[in-house]
Amino acid sequence: MSSKTKLLTSGSVAARYGRSLRTLMRWIRDRPSGFPAPTQINGRYYWSENDLEAWEHSLASNAALAKKAA
């Protein structure tokens, strides 16, 4: 991870996707659709903003491909 990579807290990530912290914890455990793994620091979870943006991009790309196939 680059030193310029912004790390987001669990609360920030939950708010970003409009989900509860409980859902976010399930995503950590189940990793749906390649959801990025967090970094744990002092018992708290943080996500690289770059990793989240890459995941969002992959979801958008998959949705576009599915739309073309339909």
PDB file of N, CA and C in Angstrom:
ATOM      1  N   MET A   1       0.851  -1.170   0.000  1.00  0.00           N
ATOM      2  CA  MET A   1       0.000   0.000   0.000  1.00  0.00           C
ATOM      3  C   MET A   1       0.898   1.235   0.000  1.00  0.00           C
ATOM      4  N   SER A   2       0.647   2.147  -0.864  1.00  0.00           N
ATOM      5  CA  SER A   2       1.412   3.381  -0.971  1.00  0.00           C
ATOM      6  C   SER A   2       1.170   4.274   0.236  1.00  0.00           C
ATOM      7  N   SER A   3       2.175   5.086   0.578  1.00  0.00           N
ATOM      8  CA  SER A   3       2.000   5.999   1.715  1.00  0.00           C
ATOM      9  C   SER A   3       0.966   7.080   1.407  1.00  0.00           C
ATOM     10  N   LYS A   4       0.638   7.264   0.139  1.00  0.00           N
ATOM     11  CA  LYS A   4      -0.356   8.267  -0.246  1.00  0.00           C
ATOM     12  C   LYS A   4      -1.774   7.697  -0.288  1.00  0.00           C
ATOM     13  N   THR A   5      -1.910   6.415  -0.037  1.00  0.00           N
ATOM     14  CA  THR A   5      -3.221   5.773  -0.070  1.00  0.00           C
ATOM     15  C   THR A   5      -4.029   6.219   1.136  1.00  0.00           C
ATOM     16  N   LYS A   6      -5.225   6.714   0.887  1.00  0.00           N
ATOM     17  CA  LYS A   6      -6.111   7.137   1.967  1.00  0.00           C
ATOM     18  C   LYS A   6      -6.803   5.913   2.539  1.00  0.00           C
ATOM     19  N   LEU A   7      -6.801   5.794   3.859  1.00  0.00           N
ATOM     20  CA  LEU A   7      -7.487   4.701   4.535  1.00  0.00           C
ATOM     21  C   LEU A   7      -8.817   5.203   5.088  1.00  0.00           C
ATOM     22  N   LEU A   8      -9.860   4.426   4.875  1.00  0.00           N
ATOM     23  CA  LEU A   8     -11.195   4.787   5.344  1.00  0.00           C
ATOM     24  C   LEU A   8     -11.597   3.875   6.492  1.00  0.00           C
ATOM     25  N   THR A   9     -12.270   4.431   7.478  1.00  0.00           N
ATOM     26  CA  THR A   9     -12.743   3.676   8.633  1.00  0.00           C
ATOM     27  C   THR A   9     -13.973   2.850   8.268  1.00  0.00           C
ATOM     28  N   SER A  10     -14.320   1.924   9.159  1.00  0.00           N
ATOM     29  CA  SER A  10     -15.529   1.114   8.961  1.00  0.00           C
ATOM     30  C   SER A  10     -16.759   1.996   8.807  1.00  0.00           C
ATOM     31  N   GLY A  11     -16.862   3.014   9.645  1.00  0.00           N
ATOM     32  CA  GLY A  11     -18.004   3.926   9.571  1.00  0.00           C
ATOM     33  C   GLY A  11     -18.083   4.642   8.238  1.00  0.00           C
ATOM     34  N   SER A  12     -16.938   5.065   7.732  1.00  0.00           N
ATOM     35  CA  SER A  12     -16.908   5.753   6.432  1.00  0.00           C
ATOM     36  C   SER A  12     -17.309   4.824   5.294  1.00  0.00           C
ATOM     37  N   VAL A  13     -16.824   3.585   5.361  1.00  0.00           N
ATOM     38  CA  VAL A  13     -17.142   2.621   4.308  1.00  0.00           C
ATOM     39  C   VAL A  13     -18.626   2.251   4.369  1.00  0.00           C
ATOM     40  N   ALA A  14     -19.148   2.041   5.566  1.00  0.00           N
ATOM     41  CA  ALA A  14     -20.574   1.729   5.710  1.00  0.00           C
ATOM     42  C   ALA A  14     -21.423   2.872   5.145  1.00  0.00           C
ATOM     43  N   ALA A  15     -21.059   4.097   5.454  1.00  0.00           N
ATOM     44  CA  ALA A  15     -21.798   5.261   4.943  1.00  0.00           C
ATOM     45  C   ALA A  15     -21.666   5.375   3.425  1.00  0.00           C
ATOM     46  N   ARG A  16     -20.494   5.077   2.901  1.00  0.00           N
ATOM     47  CA  ARG A  16     -20.247   5.165   1.461  1.00  0.00           C
ATOM     48  C   ARG A  16     -21.217   4.276   0.681  1.00  0.00           C
ATOM     49  N   TYR A  17     -21.523   3.093   1.244  1.00  0.00           N
ATOM     50  CA  TYR A  17     -22.397   2.153   0.549  1.00  0.00           C
ATOM     51  C   TYR A  17     -23.808   2.110   1.117  1.00  0.00           C
ATOM     52  N   GLY A  18     -24.098   2.963   2.072  1.00  0.00           N
ATOM     53  CA  GLY A  18     -25.438   3.013   2.643  1.00  0.00           C
ATOM     54  C   GLY A  18     -25.823   1.727   3.348  1.00  0.00           C
ATOM     55  N   ARG A  19     -24.864   1.127   4.022  1.00  0.00           N
ATOM     56  CA  ARG A  19     -25.066  -0.139   4.712  1.00  0.00           C
ATOM     57  C   ARG A  19     -24.731   0.033   6.191  1.00  0.00           C
ATOM     58  N   SER A  20     -25.203  -0.905   7.002  1.00  0.00           N
ATOM     59  CA  SER A  20     -24.916  -0.864   8.438  1.00  0.00           C
ATOM     60  C   SER A  20     -23.525  -1.448   8.702  1.00  0.00           C
ATOM     61  N   LEU A  21     -23.015  -1.169   9.900  1.00  0.00           N
ATOM     62  CA  LEU A  21     -21.738  -1.761  10.295  1.00  0.00           C
ATOM     63  C   LEU A  21     -21.837  -3.280  10.355  1.00  0.00           C
ATOM     64  N   ARG A  22     -22.998  -3.782  10.754  1.00  0.00           N
ATOM     65  CA  ARG A  22     -23.200  -5.240  10.802  1.00  0.00           C
ATOM     66  C   ARG A  22     -23.054  -5.847   9.405  1.00  0.00           C
ATOM     67  N   THR A  23     -23.628  -5.204   8.402  1.00  0.00           N
ATOM     68  CA  THR A  23     -23.497  -5.687   7.027  1.00  0.00           C
ATOM     69  C   THR A  23     -22.035  -5.647   6.599  1.00  0.00           C
ATOM     70  N   LEU A  24     -21.355  -4.589   6.937  1.00  0.00           N
ATOM     71  CA  LEU A  24     -19.945  -4.464   6.599  1.00  0.00           C
ATOM     72  C   LEU A  24     -19.133  -5.607   7.219  1.00  0.00           C
ATOM     73  N   MET A  25     -19.452  -5.974   8.446  1.00  0.00           N
ATOM     74  CA  MET A  25     -18.754  -7.085   9.099  1.00  0.00           C
ATOM     75  C   MET A  25     -19.044  -8.409   8.382  1.00  0.00           C
ATOM     76  N   ARG A  26     -20.269  -8.563   7.866  1.00  0.00           N
ATOM     77  CA  ARG A  26     -20.580  -9.760   7.065  1.00  0.00           C
ATOM     78  C   ARG A  26     -19.768  -9.754   5.778  1.00  0.00           C
ATOM     79  N   TRP A  27     -19.619  -8.578   5.173  1.00  0.00           N
ATOM     80  CA  TRP A  27     -18.830  -8.473   3.949  1.00  0.00           C
ATOM     81  C   TRP A  27     -17.369  -8.842   4.210  1.00  0.00           C
ATOM     82  N   ILE A  28     -16.859  -8.492   5.377  1.00  0.00           N
ATOM     83  CA  ILE A  28     -15.482  -8.864   5.723  1.00  0.00           C
ATOM     84  C   ILE A  28     -15.375 -10.389   5.769  1.00  0.00           C
ATOM     85  N   ARG A  29     -16.356 -11.016   6.376  1.00  0.00           N
ATOM     86  CA  ARG A  29     -16.341 -12.467   6.538  1.00  0.00           C
ATOM     87  C   ARG A  29     -16.589 -13.186   5.210  1.00  0.00           C
ATOM     88  N   ASP A  30     -17.584 -12.737   4.445  1.00  0.00           N
ATOM     89  CA  ASP A  30     -18.018 -13.460   3.248  1.00  0.00           C
ATOM     90  C   ASP A  30     -17.380 -12.968   1.952  1.00  0.00           C
ATOM     91  N   ARG A  31     -16.886 -11.732   1.935  1.00  0.00           N
ATOM     92  CA  ARG A  31     -16.230 -11.129   0.770  1.00  0.00           C
ATOM     93  C   ARG A  31     -17.073 -11.248  -0.509  1.00  0.00           C
ATOM     94  N   PRO A  32     -18.297 -10.689  -0.525  1.00  0.00           N
ATOM     95  CA  PRO A  32     -19.146 -10.798  -1.711  1.00  0.00           C
ATOM     96  C   PRO A  32     -18.543 -10.070  -2.914  1.00  0.00           C
ATOM     97  N   SER A  33     -18.631 -10.684  -4.059  1.00  0.00           N
ATOM     98  CA  SER A  33     -18.204 -10.060  -5.313  1.00  0.00           C
ATOM     99  C   SER A  33     -16.819  -9.441  -5.241  1.00  0.00           C
ATOM    100  N   GLY A  34     -15.918 -10.058  -4.495  1.00  0.00           N
ATOM    101  CA  GLY A  34     -14.550  -9.559  -4.436  1.00  0.00           C
ATOM    102  C   GLY A  34     -14.360  -8.334  -3.574  1.00  0.00           C
ATOM    103  N   PHE A  35     -15.258  -8.082  -2.641  1.00  0.00           N
ATOM    104  CA  PHE A  35     -15.117  -6.923  -1.754  1.00  0.00           C
ATOM    105  C   PHE A  35     -13.725  -6.939  -1.131  1.00  0.00           C
ATOM    106  N   PRO A  36     -13.020  -5.809  -1.181  1.00  0.00           N
ATOM    107  CA  PRO A  36     -11.636  -5.791  -0.715  1.00  0.00           C
ATOM    108  C   PRO A  36     -11.488  -6.100   0.777  1.00  0.00           C
ATOM    109  N   ALA A  37     -10.427  -6.788   1.087  1.00  0.00           N
ATOM    110  CA  ALA A  37     -10.128  -7.109   2.483  1.00  0.00           C
ATOM    111  C   ALA A  37      -9.608  -5.850   3.182  1.00  0.00           C
ATOM    112  N   PRO A  38     -10.004  -5.662   4.434  1.00  0.00           N
ATOM    113  CA  PRO A  38      -9.518  -4.496   5.171  1.00  0.00           C
ATOM    114  C   PRO A  38      -8.137  -4.768   5.768  1.00  0.00           C
ATOM    115  N   THR A  39      -7.507  -3.700   6.206  1.00  0.00           N
ATOM    116  CA  THR A  39      -6.294  -3.773   7.006  1.00  0.00           C
ATOM    117  C   THR A  39      -6.728  -3.557   8.442  1.00  0.00           C
ATOM    118  N   GLN A  40      -6.240  -4.390   9.348  1.00  0.00           N
ATOM    119  CA  GLN A  40      -6.616  -4.242  10.746  1.00  0.00           C
ATOM    120  C   GLN A  40      -5.455  -3.591  11.495  1.00  0.00           C
ATOM    121  N   ILE A  41      -5.762  -2.486  12.165  1.00  0.00           N
ATOM    122  CA  ILE A  41      -4.783  -1.746  12.946  1.00  0.00           C
ATOM    123  C   ILE A  41      -5.365  -1.521  14.329  1.00  0.00           C
ATOM    124  N   ASN A  42      -4.683  -2.032  15.342  1.00  0.00           N
ATOM    125  CA  ASN A  42      -5.147  -1.909  16.728  1.00  0.00           C
ATOM    126  C   ASN A  42      -6.605  -2.335  16.905  1.00  0.00           C
ATOM    127  N   GLY A  43      -6.981  -3.432  16.242  1.00  0.00           N
ATOM    128  CA  GLY A  43      -8.327  -3.977  16.391  1.00  0.00           C
ATOM    129  C   GLY A  43      -9.399  -3.255  15.592  1.00  0.00           C
ATOM    130  N   ARG A  44      -9.015  -2.284  14.804  1.00  0.00           N
ATOM    131  CA  ARG A  44      -9.982  -1.545  13.965  1.00  0.00           C
ATOM    132  C   ARG A  44      -9.700  -1.840  12.499  1.00  0.00           C
ATOM    133  N   TYR A  45     -10.761  -1.806  11.697  1.00  0.00           N
ATOM    134  CA  TYR A  45     -10.636  -2.104  10.280  1.00  0.00           C
ATOM    135  C   TYR A  45     -10.562  -0.822   9.460  1.00  0.00           C
ATOM    136  N   TYR A  46      -9.678  -0.853   8.455  1.00  0.00           N
ATOM    137  CA  TYR A  46      -9.506   0.268   7.533  1.00  0.00           C
ATOM    138  C   TYR A  46      -9.408  -0.286   6.118  1.00  0.00           C
ATOM    139  N   TRP A  47      -9.977   0.448   5.168  1.00  0.00           N
ATOM    140  CA  TRP A  47      -9.915   0.064   3.764  1.00  0.00           C
ATOM    141  C   TRP A  47      -9.178   1.122   2.970  1.00  0.00           C
ATOM    142  N   SER A  48      -8.413   0.658   2.023  1.00  0.00           N
ATOM    143  CA  SER A  48      -7.747   1.548   1.083  1.00  0.00           C
ATOM    144  C   SER A  48      -8.812   2.116   0.137  1.00  0.00           C
ATOM    145  N   GLU A  49      -8.820   3.415   0.016  1.00  0.00           N
ATOM    146  CA  GLU A  49      -9.782   4.045  -0.893  1.00  0.00           C
ATOM    147  C   GLU A  49      -9.551   3.554  -2.323  1.00  0.00           C
ATOM    148  N   ASN A  50      -8.288   3.334  -2.694  1.00  0.00           N
ATOM    149  CA  ASN A  50      -7.978   2.832  -4.039  1.00  0.00           C
ATOM    150  C   ASN A  50      -8.576   1.448  -4.264  1.00  0.00           C
ATOM    151  N   ASP A  51      -8.495   0.573  -3.245  1.00  0.00           N
ATOM    152  CA  ASP A  51      -9.072  -0.771  -3.363  1.00  0.00           C
ATOM    153  C   ASP A  51     -10.589  -0.703  -3.529  1.00  0.00           C
ATOM    154  N   LEU A  52     -11.232   0.172  -2.766  1.00  0.00           N
ATOM    155  CA  LEU A  52     -12.686   0.311  -2.869  1.00  0.00           C
ATOM    156  C   LEU A  52     -13.081   0.842  -4.245  1.00  0.00           C
ATOM    157  N   GLU A  53     -12.332   1.812  -4.759  1.00  0.00           N
ATOM    158  CA  GLU A  53     -12.639   2.356  -6.085  1.00  0.00           C
ATOM    159  C   GLU A  53     -12.454   1.300  -7.167  1.00  0.00           C
ATOM    160  N   ALA A  54     -11.428   0.463  -7.028  1.00  0.00           N
ATOM    161  CA  ALA A  54     -11.211  -0.614  -8.000  1.00  0.00           C
ATOM    162  C   ALA A  54     -12.367  -1.613  -7.942  1.00  0.00           C
ATOM    163  N   TRP A  55     -12.845  -1.934  -6.732  1.00  0.00           N
ATOM    164  CA  TRP A  55     -13.979  -2.847  -6.573  1.00  0.00           C
ATOM    165  C   TRP A  55     -15.229  -2.245  -7.209  1.00  0.00           C
ATOM    166  N   GLU A  56     -15.469  -0.957  -6.966  1.00  0.00           N
ATOM    167  CA  GLU A  56     -16.629  -0.280  -7.559  1.00  0.00           C
ATOM    168  C   GLU A  56     -16.552  -0.325  -9.084  1.00  0.00           C
ATOM    169  N   HIS A  57     -15.360  -0.104  -9.602  1.00  0.00           N
ATOM    170  CA  HIS A  57     -15.167  -0.128 -11.059  1.00  0.00           C
ATOM    171  C   HIS A  57     -15.459  -1.525 -11.613  1.00  0.00           C
ATOM    172  N   SER A  58     -15.009  -2.566 -10.904  1.00  0.00           N
ATOM    173  CA  SER A  58     -15.256  -3.927 -11.378  1.00  0.00           C
ATOM    174  C   SER A  58     -16.751  -4.245 -11.355  1.00  0.00           C
ATOM    175  N   LEU A  59     -17.470  -3.748 -10.334  1.00  0.00           N
ATOM    176  CA  LEU A  59     -18.916  -3.963 -10.282  1.00  0.00           C
ATOM    177  C   LEU A  59     -19.607  -3.268 -11.447  1.00  0.00           C
ATOM    178  N   ALA A  60     -19.178  -2.052 -11.738  1.00  0.00           N
ATOM    179  CA  ALA A  60     -19.775  -1.300 -12.855  1.00  0.00           C
ATOM    180  C   ALA A  60     -19.484  -2.000 -14.187  1.00  0.00           C
ATOM    181  N   SER A  61     -18.265  -2.499 -14.333  1.00  0.00           N
ATOM    182  CA  SER A  61     -17.906  -3.206 -15.565  1.00  0.00           C
ATOM    183  C   SER A  61     -18.726  -4.482 -15.729  1.00  0.00           C
ATOM    184  N   ASN A  62     -18.892  -5.226 -14.638  1.00  0.00           N
ATOM    185  CA  ASN A  62     -19.687  -6.457 -14.687  1.00  0.00           C
ATOM    186  C   ASN A  62     -21.143  -6.161 -15.011  1.00  0.00           C
ATOM    187  N   ALA A  63     -21.671  -5.071 -14.454  1.00  0.00           N
ATOM    188  CA  ALA A  63     -23.065  -4.689 -14.737  1.00  0.00           C
ATOM    189  C   ALA A  63     -23.228  -4.309 -16.204  1.00  0.00           C
ATOM    190  N   ALA A  64     -22.238  -3.602 -16.751  1.00  0.00           N
ATOM    191  CA  ALA A  64     -22.303  -3.205 -18.161  1.00  0.00           C
ATOM    192  C   ALA A  64     -22.249  -4.435 -19.067  1.00  0.00           C
ATOM    193  N   LEU A  65     -21.398  -5.401 -18.721  1.00  0.00           N
ATOM    194  CA  LEU A  65     -21.309  -6.624 -19.522  1.00  0.00           C
ATOM    195  C   LEU A  65     -22.614  -7.419 -19.452  1.00  0.00           C
ATOM    196  N   ALA A  66     -23.202  -7.490 -18.272  1.00  0.00           N
ATOM    197  CA  ALA A  66     -24.454  -8.212 -18.111  1.00  0.00           C
ATOM    198  C   ALA A  66     -25.573  -7.549 -18.905  1.00  0.00           C
ATOM    199  N   LYS A  67     -25.551  -6.220 -18.951  1.00  0.00           N
ATOM    200  CA  LYS A  67     -26.572  -5.484 -19.691  1.00  0.00           C
ATOM    201  C   LYS A  67     -26.430  -5.744 -21.192  1.00  0.00           C
ATOM    202  N   LYS A  68     -25.189  -5.801 -21.681  1.00  0.00           N
ATOM    203  CA  LYS A  68     -24.966  -6.072 -23.096  1.00  0.00           C
ATOM    204  C   LYS A  68     -25.391  -7.480 -23.471  1.00  0.00           C
ATOM    205  N   ALA A  69     -25.197  -8.422 -22.554  1.00  0.00           N
ATOM    206  CA  ALA A  69     -25.532  -9.823 -22.822  1.00  0.00           C
ATOM    207  C   ALA A  69     -27.045 -10.053 -22.832  1.00  0.00           C
ATOM    208  N   ALA A  70     -27.775  -9.184 -22.160  1.00  0.00           N
ATOM    209  CA  ALA A  70     -29.228  -9.374 -22.043  1.00  0.00           C
ATOM    210  C   ALA A  70     -29.971  -8.969 -23.282  1.00  0.00           C
TER     211      ALA A  70
END
